């Protein structure tokens, strides 16, 4: 079951693409036609009045031109003001780290390097939306009562602390926690803990989830902490009622 569909019924598994050139969204729909993934294009001038909350898209893809990268940060910020559940992907044909960080701070879940050549773009997008890290209609559910993550065919047993960390990431703003937040969950002394203890804990949790479900669900946020990829883990069933 798509948990977002349960929370926001009816939810159509479709993609919204925000870009200046509408031909880009038409090309994307052609690329993704074999995956039966519909694409809706949105021009930036229509963006201020677009109802992101009502749209219920699973993924919103932002592809700004080279001269629109600062504008693109504002687009992502506007999206996040009305929509907290869709995965926001930003595709850039090369950018310095400060721009990439600005997109992440505005609420982008992934900032991706987009190839310049048209044939390479098609391969890039087809592979992207075959990857459960970016497009997963049936993510595993965290079950705090049975201390596990599971989907229809797989199960990963977790410790009590691991479950608490997953839940905290799920409900944190932007699904992000600082090193101090995580240290507190681990019961460490906030005045003198070793950040490497936090890093080792998260690394083991991330590796365990990847081994069972094949997805990289936790991202490092440089110098700050960690973020849970949006839509990659579902909240416990009780949260749906």
C-alpha atoms as a PDB file:
ATOM      1  CA  UNK A   1       0.000   0.000   0.000  1.00  0.00           C
ATOM      2  CA  UNK A   2       1.172   3.508  -0.769  1.00  0.00           C
ATOM      3  CA  UNK A   3       1.071   5.153   2.650  1.00  0.00           C
ATOM      4  CA  UNK A   4       0.683   8.584   1.087  1.00  0.00           C
ATOM      5  CA  UNK A   5      -2.430   7.315  -0.676  1.00  0.00           C
ATOM      6  CA  UNK A   6      -3.834   6.306   2.699  1.00  0.00           C
ATOM      7  CA  UNK A   7      -3.025   9.694   4.190  1.00  0.00           C
ATOM      8  CA  UNK A   8      -4.123  11.823   1.228  1.00  0.00           C
ATOM      9  CA  UNK A   9      -6.663   9.834  -0.765  1.00  0.00           C
ATOM     10  CA  UNK A  10      -6.875   9.790  -3.730  1.00  0.00           C
ATOM     11  CA  UNK A  11      -3.181  10.031  -4.615  1.00  0.00           C
ATOM     12  CA  UNK A  12      -2.103   9.375  -8.182  1.00  0.00           C
ATOM     13  CA  UNK A  13       1.443   8.057  -8.638  1.00  0.00           C
ATOM     14  CA  UNK A  14       2.549  10.869 -10.939  1.00  0.00           C
ATOM     15  CA  UNK A  15       5.333  13.387 -11.306  1.00  0.00           C
ATOM     16  CA  UNK A  16       5.196  17.179 -11.522  1.00  0.00           C
ATOM     17  CA  UNK A  17       8.039  18.853 -13.423  1.00  0.00           C
ATOM     18  CA  UNK A  18       8.762  22.523 -12.835  1.00  0.00           C
ATOM     19  CA  UNK A  19      10.825  24.024 -15.665  1.00  0.00           C
ATOM     20  CA  UNK A  20      10.788  27.051 -17.957  1.00  0.00           C
ATOM     21  CA  UNK A  21      10.841  25.030 -21.188  1.00  0.00           C
ATOM     22  CA  UNK A  22       7.661  22.947 -21.450  1.00  0.00           C
ATOM     23  CA  UNK A  23       9.313  20.754 -24.086  1.00  0.00           C
ATOM     24  CA  UNK A  24      11.491  19.381 -21.280  1.00  0.00           C
ATOM     25  CA  UNK A  25       8.456  17.951 -19.483  1.00  0.00           C
ATOM     26  CA  UNK A  26       7.182  16.503 -22.764  1.00  0.00           C
ATOM     27  CA  UNK A  27      10.551  14.844 -23.319  1.00  0.00           C
ATOM     28  CA  UNK A  28      10.529  13.503 -19.765  1.00  0.00           C
ATOM     29  CA  UNK A  29       7.085  11.974 -20.260  1.00  0.00           C
ATOM     30  CA  UNK A  30       8.323  10.307 -23.433  1.00  0.00           C
ATOM     31  CA  UNK A  31      11.353   8.928 -21.603  1.00  0.00           C
ATOM     32  CA  UNK A  32       9.198   7.549 -18.787  1.00  0.00           C
ATOM     33  CA  UNK A  33       6.394   6.184 -20.941  1.00  0.00           C
ATOM     34  CA  UNK A  34       7.744   2.584 -20.679  1.00  0.00           C
ATOM     35  CA  UNK A  35       7.477   2.919 -16.886  1.00  0.00           C
ATOM     36  CA  UNK A  36       3.827   4.087 -17.143  1.00  0.00           C
ATOM     37  CA  UNK A  37       4.767   7.168 -15.144  1.00  0.00           C
ATOM     38  CA  UNK A  38       2.672  10.230 -16.102  1.00  0.00           C
ATOM     39  CA  UNK A  39       4.348  13.629 -16.075  1.00  0.00           C
ATOM     40  CA  UNK A  40       2.676  17.011 -15.637  1.00  0.00           C
ATOM     41  CA  UNK A  41       4.567  20.149 -16.638  1.00  0.00           C
ATOM     42  CA  UNK A  42       4.378  23.427 -14.710  1.00  0.00           C
ATOM     43  CA  UNK A  43       5.836  26.714 -15.938  1.00  0.00           C
ATOM     44  CA  UNK A  44       7.447  28.970 -13.312  1.00  0.00           C
ATOM     45  CA  UNK A  45       5.068  31.878 -13.977  1.00  0.00           C
ATOM     46  CA  UNK A  46       2.145  29.641 -12.935  1.00  0.00           C
ATOM     47  CA  UNK A  47       3.967  28.357  -9.868  1.00  0.00           C
ATOM     48  CA  UNK A  48       2.933  31.130  -7.379  1.00  0.00           C
ATOM     49  CA  UNK A  49      -0.762  30.244  -7.744  1.00  0.00           C
ATOM     50  CA  UNK A  50      -0.345  26.481  -8.051  1.00  0.00           C
ATOM     51  CA  UNK A  51      -1.961  24.507  -5.225  1.00  0.00           C
ATOM     52  CA  UNK A  52       0.777  22.074  -4.187  1.00  0.00           C
ATOM     53  CA  UNK A  53      -1.283  20.765  -1.284  1.00  0.00           C
ATOM     54  CA  UNK A  54      -4.198  19.806  -3.517  1.00  0.00           C
ATOM     55  CA  UNK A  55      -2.046  18.300  -6.269  1.00  0.00           C
ATOM     56  CA  UNK A  56      -0.819  15.283  -4.207  1.00  0.00           C
ATOM     57  CA  UNK A  57       2.050  14.449  -6.543  1.00  0.00           C
ATOM     58  CA  UNK A  58       4.394  11.673  -5.425  1.00  0.00           C
ATOM     59  CA  UNK A  59       7.486  13.469  -6.766  1.00  0.00           C
ATOM     60  CA  UNK A  60       8.161  17.065  -7.845  1.00  0.00           C
ATOM     61  CA  UNK A  61      11.109  17.504 -10.202  1.00  0.00           C
ATOM     62  CA  UNK A  62      12.704  20.954 -10.525  1.00  0.00           C
ATOM     63  CA  UNK A  63      14.984  21.516 -13.512  1.00  0.00           C
ATOM     64  CA  UNK A  64      16.080  25.176 -13.586  1.00  0.00           C
ATOM     65  CA  UNK A  65      18.144  26.615 -16.423  1.00  0.00           C
ATOM     66  CA  UNK A  66      21.678  27.869 -15.760  1.00  0.00           C
ATOM     67  CA  UNK A  67      20.444  31.439 -15.314  1.00  0.00           C
ATOM     68  CA  UNK A  68      17.601  30.385 -13.020  1.00  0.00           C
ATOM     69  CA  UNK A  69      19.378  28.558 -10.241  1.00  0.00           C
ATOM     70  CA  UNK A  70      18.737  31.221  -7.601  1.00  0.00           C
ATOM     71  CA  UNK A  71      15.114  31.362  -8.729  1.00  0.00           C
ATOM     72  CA  UNK A  72      15.007  27.593  -8.455  1.00  0.00           C
ATOM     73  CA  UNK A  73      15.868  27.794  -4.764  1.00  0.00           C
ATOM     74  CA  UNK A  74      12.810  30.036  -4.293  1.00  0.00           C
ATOM     75  CA  UNK A  75      10.697  27.563  -6.289  1.00  0.00           C
ATOM     76  CA  UNK A  76      11.701  24.759  -3.925  1.00  0.00           C
ATOM     77  CA  UNK A  77      10.976  26.953  -0.902  1.00  0.00           C
ATOM     78  CA  UNK A  78       7.494  27.725  -2.309  1.00  0.00           C
ATOM     79  CA  UNK A  79       6.856  24.030  -2.909  1.00  0.00           C
ATOM     80  CA  UNK A  80       7.756  23.147   0.665  1.00  0.00           C
ATOM     81  CA  UNK A  81       5.443  25.813   2.064  1.00  0.00           C
ATOM     82  CA  UNK A  82       2.454  23.892   0.667  1.00  0.00           C
ATOM     83  CA  UNK A  83       3.718  20.337   0.402  1.00  0.00           C
ATOM     84  CA  UNK A  84       5.703  18.363   2.981  1.00  0.00           C
ATOM     85  CA  UNK A  85       5.171  14.809   1.700  1.00  0.00           C
ATOM     86  CA  UNK A  86       6.277  14.763  -1.964  1.00  0.00           C
ATOM     87  CA  UNK A  87       9.921  14.029  -2.742  1.00  0.00           C
ATOM     88  CA  UNK A  88      11.517  17.098  -4.332  1.00  0.00           C
ATOM     89  CA  UNK A  89      14.286  16.312  -6.819  1.00  0.00           C
ATOM     90  CA  UNK A  90      16.456  19.060  -8.319  1.00  0.00           C
ATOM     91  CA  UNK A  91      18.358  18.267 -11.536  1.00  0.00           C
ATOM     92  CA  UNK A  92      21.298  20.546 -12.417  1.00  0.00           C
ATOM     93  CA  UNK A  93      23.849  20.322 -15.227  1.00  0.00           C
ATOM     94  CA  UNK A  94      26.646  21.121 -12.804  1.00  0.00           C
ATOM     95  CA  UNK A  95      26.688  23.491  -9.830  1.00  0.00           C
ATOM     96  CA  UNK A  96      29.001  24.583  -7.045  1.00  0.00           C
ATOM     97  CA  UNK A  97      28.485  23.135  -3.546  1.00  0.00           C
ATOM     98  CA  UNK A  98      26.937  26.356  -2.195  1.00  0.00           C
ATOM     99  CA  UNK A  99      24.052  26.190  -4.685  1.00  0.00           C
ATOM    100  CA  UNK A 100      23.502  22.518  -3.946  1.00  0.00           C
ATOM    101  CA  UNK A 101      23.432  23.270  -0.231  1.00  0.00           C
ATOM    102  CA  UNK A 102      20.989  26.149  -0.794  1.00  0.00           C
ATOM    103  CA  UNK A 103      18.570  23.755  -2.516  1.00  0.00           C
ATOM    104  CA  UNK A 104      18.845  21.267   0.329  1.00  0.00           C
ATOM    105  CA  UNK A 105      18.226  23.970   2.913  1.00  0.00           C
ATOM    106  CA  UNK A 106      15.143  25.085   0.959  1.00  0.00           C
ATOM    107  CA  UNK A 107      13.734  21.561   1.216  1.00  0.00           C
ATOM    108  CA  UNK A 108      15.057  19.549  -1.740  1.00  0.00           C
ATOM    109  CA  UNK A 109      15.481  15.858  -0.940  1.00  0.00           C
ATOM    110  CA  UNK A 110      18.017  15.187  -3.689  1.00  0.00           C
ATOM    111  CA  UNK A 111      20.190  17.474  -5.835  1.00  0.00           C
ATOM    112  CA  UNK A 112      21.226  15.472  -8.892  1.00  0.00           C
ATOM    113  CA  UNK A 113      23.806  16.030 -11.609  1.00  0.00           C
ATOM    114  CA  UNK A 114      22.017  16.043 -14.967  1.00  0.00           C
ATOM    115  CA  UNK A 115      23.893  15.075 -18.158  1.00  0.00           C
ATOM    116  CA  UNK A 116      23.990  17.648 -20.962  1.00  0.00           C
ATOM    117  CA  UNK A 117      23.499  15.300 -23.917  1.00  0.00           C
ATOM    118  CA  UNK A 118      19.914  14.335 -24.795  1.00  0.00           C
ATOM    119  CA  UNK A 119      20.522  10.537 -25.107  1.00  0.00           C
ATOM    120  CA  UNK A 120      22.294  10.539 -21.745  1.00  0.00           C
ATOM    121  CA  UNK A 121      19.367  12.411 -20.160  1.00  0.00           C
ATOM    122  CA  UNK A 122      16.947   9.712 -21.240  1.00  0.00           C
ATOM    123  CA  UNK A 123      19.097   6.988 -19.683  1.00  0.00           C
ATOM    124  CA  UNK A 124      19.584   9.122 -16.561  1.00  0.00           C
ATOM    125  CA  UNK A 125      15.854   9.644 -15.947  1.00  0.00           C
ATOM    126  CA  UNK A 126      14.804   6.081 -16.766  1.00  0.00           C
ATOM    127  CA  UNK A 127      17.383   4.702 -14.319  1.00  0.00           C
ATOM    128  CA  UNK A 128      16.430   7.341 -11.754  1.00  0.00           C
ATOM    129  CA  UNK A 129      12.776   6.324 -11.632  1.00  0.00           C
ATOM    130  CA  UNK A 130      13.588   2.640 -11.570  1.00  0.00           C
ATOM    131  CA  UNK A 131      15.556   3.261  -8.374  1.00  0.00           C
ATOM    132  CA  UNK A 132      13.516   2.762  -5.150  1.00  0.00           C
ATOM    133  CA  UNK A 133      15.586   5.505  -3.482  1.00  0.00           C
ATOM    134  CA  UNK A 134      13.645   8.016  -5.606  1.00  0.00           C
ATOM    135  CA  UNK A 135      10.411   6.247  -6.584  1.00  0.00           C
ATOM    136  CA  UNK A 136       8.937   3.722  -4.175  1.00  0.00           C
ATOM    137  CA  UNK A 137       5.188   3.189  -3.947  1.00  0.00           C
ATOM    138  CA  UNK A 138       5.484   0.527  -1.257  1.00  0.00           C
ATOM    139  CA  UNK A 139       8.212   1.551   1.225  1.00  0.00           C
ATOM    140  CA  UNK A 140       8.798  -0.540   4.341  1.00  0.00           C
ATOM    141  CA  UNK A 141       6.743   0.334   7.426  1.00  0.00           C
ATOM    142  CA  UNK A 142       8.319   0.955  10.827  1.00  0.00           C
ATOM    143  CA  UNK A 143       6.533  -0.995  13.559  1.00  0.00           C
ATOM    144  CA  UNK A 144       7.463   0.244  17.062  1.00  0.00           C
ATOM    145  CA  UNK A 145       5.401  -2.471  18.756  1.00  0.00           C
ATOM    146  CA  UNK A 146       7.265  -5.351  17.074  1.00  0.00           C
ATOM    147  CA  UNK A 147      10.574  -3.461  16.732  1.00  0.00           C
ATOM    148  CA  UNK A 148      11.010  -3.935  13.001  1.00  0.00           C
ATOM    149  CA  UNK A 149      10.853  -2.523   9.494  1.00  0.00           C
ATOM    150  CA  UNK A 150       8.873  -4.622   7.041  1.00  0.00           C
ATOM    151  CA  UNK A 151       7.138  -4.659   3.693  1.00  0.00           C
ATOM    152  CA  UNK A 152       5.109  -7.443   2.066  1.00  0.00           C
ATOM    153  CA  UNK A 153       8.061  -9.798   1.639  1.00  0.00           C
ATOM    154  CA  UNK A 154      10.943  -8.582   3.841  1.00  0.00           C
ATOM    155  CA  UNK A 155      11.531  -7.828   7.515  1.00  0.00           C
ATOM    156  CA  UNK A 156      14.380  -6.221   9.434  1.00  0.00           C
ATOM    157  CA  UNK A 157      14.442  -6.561  13.222  1.00  0.00           C
ATOM    158  CA  UNK A 158      15.642  -3.424  15.003  1.00  0.00           C
ATOM    159  CA  UNK A 159      16.636  -2.503  18.525  1.00  0.00           C
ATOM    160  CA  UNK A 160      14.445  -0.214  20.604  1.00  0.00           C
ATOM    161  CA  UNK A 161      16.905   2.673  20.128  1.00  0.00           C
ATOM    162  CA  UNK A 162      17.071   2.122  16.356  1.00  0.00           C
ATOM    163  CA  UNK A 163      13.286   2.300  16.138  1.00  0.00           C
ATOM    164  CA  UNK A 164      13.276   5.516  18.171  1.00  0.00           C
ATOM    165  CA  UNK A 165      15.838   7.063  15.810  1.00  0.00           C
ATOM    166  CA  UNK A 166      13.825   6.073  12.722  1.00  0.00           C
ATOM    167  CA  UNK A 167      10.639   7.505  14.244  1.00  0.00           C
ATOM    168  CA  UNK A 168      12.424  10.707  15.268  1.00  0.00           C
ATOM    169  CA  UNK A 169      13.727  11.168  11.717  1.00  0.00           C
ATOM    170  CA  UNK A 170      10.258  10.503  10.280  1.00  0.00           C
ATOM    171  CA  UNK A 171       8.633  13.211  12.379  1.00  0.00           C
ATOM    172  CA  UNK A 172      11.467  15.773  12.428  1.00  0.00           C
ATOM    173  CA  UNK A 173      11.158  18.919  10.263  1.00  0.00           C
ATOM    174  CA  UNK A 174      12.521  18.042   6.797  1.00  0.00           C
ATOM    175  CA  UNK A 175      13.183  14.532   8.254  1.00  0.00           C
ATOM    176  CA  UNK A 176      16.491  15.878   9.571  1.00  0.00           C
ATOM    177  CA  UNK A 177      18.228  15.549  12.958  1.00  0.00           C
ATOM    178  CA  UNK A 178      21.436  17.120  14.203  1.00  0.00           C
ATOM    179  CA  UNK A 179      24.303  15.214  15.805  1.00  0.00           C
ATOM    180  CA  UNK A 180      23.164  16.552  19.194  1.00  0.00           C
ATOM    181  CA  UNK A 181      19.578  15.343  18.570  1.00  0.00           C
ATOM    182  CA  UNK A 182      20.862  11.873  17.781  1.00  0.00           C
ATOM    183  CA  UNK A 183      23.291  11.856  20.710  1.00  0.00           C
ATOM    184  CA  UNK A 184      20.412  12.648  23.036  1.00  0.00           C
ATOM    185  CA  UNK A 185      18.373   9.760  21.605  1.00  0.00           C
ATOM    186  CA  UNK A 186      21.364   7.477  22.178  1.00  0.00           C
ATOM    187  CA  UNK A 187      21.618   8.610  25.800  1.00  0.00           C
ATOM    188  CA  UNK A 188      25.027  10.242  25.373  1.00  0.00           C
ATOM    189  CA  UNK A 189      26.347  13.115  27.476  1.00  0.00           C
ATOM    190  CA  UNK A 190      25.739  16.171  25.277  1.00  0.00           C
ATOM    191  CA  UNK A 191      28.695  18.051  26.769  1.00  0.00           C
ATOM    192  CA  UNK A 192      31.359  15.484  26.012  1.00  0.00           C
ATOM    193  CA  UNK A 193      30.141  12.840  23.562  1.00  0.00           C
ATOM    194  CA  UNK A 194      32.266  11.659  20.650  1.00  0.00           C
ATOM    195  CA  UNK A 195      30.519  12.361  17.330  1.00  0.00           C
ATOM    196  CA  UNK A 196      32.102   9.192  15.959  1.00  0.00           C
ATOM    197  CA  UNK A 197      29.793   7.176  18.214  1.00  0.00           C
ATOM    198  CA  UNK A 198      26.800   8.757  16.483  1.00  0.00           C
ATOM    199  CA  UNK A 199      28.344   8.217  13.046  1.00  0.00           C
ATOM    200  CA  UNK A 200      29.004   4.535  13.763  1.00  0.00           C
ATOM    201  CA  UNK A 201      25.451   3.994  15.027  1.00  0.00           C
ATOM    202  CA  UNK A 202      23.894   5.610  11.941  1.00  0.00           C
ATOM    203  CA  UNK A 203      26.274   3.781   9.609  1.00  0.00           C
ATOM    204  CA  UNK A 204      25.249   0.409  11.030  1.00  0.00           C
ATOM    205  CA  UNK A 205      21.552   1.273  10.858  1.00  0.00           C
ATOM    206  CA  UNK A 206      21.871   2.557   7.289  1.00  0.00           C
ATOM    207  CA  UNK A 207      23.823  -0.533   6.185  1.00  0.00           C
ATOM    208  CA  UNK A 208      21.302  -2.913   7.760  1.00  0.00           C
ATOM    209  CA  UNK A 209      18.398  -1.247   5.978  1.00  0.00           C
ATOM    210  CA  UNK A 210      20.262  -1.203   2.664  1.00  0.00           C
ATOM    211  CA  UNK A 211      21.157  -4.895   2.985  1.00  0.00           C
ATOM    212  CA  UNK A 212      17.525  -5.962   3.489  1.00  0.00           C
ATOM    213  CA  UNK A 213      15.579  -3.452   1.373  1.00  0.00           C
ATOM    214  CA  UNK A 214      18.191  -2.317  -1.159  1.00  0.00           C
ATOM    215  CA  UNK A 215      17.682   1.396  -0.516  1.00  0.00           C
ATOM    216  CA  UNK A 216      19.882   4.132   0.921  1.00  0.00           C
ATOM    217  CA  UNK A 217      17.405   5.738   3.274  1.00  0.00           C
ATOM    218  CA  UNK A 218      19.633   7.969   5.429  1.00  0.00           C
ATOM    219  CA  UNK A 219      21.706  10.806   3.989  1.00  0.00           C
ATOM    220  CA  UNK A 220      24.569  12.601   5.663  1.00  0.00           C
ATOM    221  CA  UNK A 221      24.155  16.360   6.011  1.00  0.00           C
ATOM    222  CA  UNK A 222      27.697  17.712   6.026  1.00  0.00           C
ATOM    223  CA  UNK A 223      28.728  19.139   9.374  1.00  0.00           C
ATOM    224  CA  UNK A 224      25.182  18.986  10.723  1.00  0.00           C
ATOM    225  CA  UNK A 225      23.698  15.514  11.084  1.00  0.00           C
ATOM    226  CA  UNK A 226      21.524  13.156   9.051  1.00  0.00           C
ATOM    227  CA  UNK A 227      18.352  13.218   6.990  1.00  0.00           C
ATOM    228  CA  UNK A 228      15.874  10.465   6.155  1.00  0.00           C
ATOM    229  CA  UNK A 229      14.981  10.336   2.473  1.00  0.00           C
ATOM    230  CA  UNK A 230      11.361  11.362   2.093  1.00  0.00           C
ATOM    231  CA  UNK A 231       8.973   8.550   1.177  1.00  0.00           C
ATOM    232  CA  UNK A 232      11.498   5.737   1.754  1.00  0.00           C
ATOM    233  CA  UNK A 233      10.027   4.577   5.095  1.00  0.00           C
ATOM    234  CA  UNK A 234       6.365   4.630   6.069  1.00  0.00           C
ATOM    235  CA  UNK A 235       5.106   5.670   9.506  1.00  0.00           C
ATOM    236  CA  UNK A 236       3.502   3.029  11.761  1.00  0.00           C
ATOM    237  CA  UNK A 237      -0.079   2.064  10.894  1.00  0.00           C
ATOM    238  CA  UNK A 238      -1.421   3.887  13.968  1.00  0.00           C
ATOM    239  CA  UNK A 239      -0.234   7.169  12.407  1.00  0.00           C
ATOM    240  CA  UNK A 240      -2.704   6.697   9.556  1.00  0.00           C
ATOM    241  CA  UNK A 241      -5.766   6.972  11.776  1.00  0.00           C
END
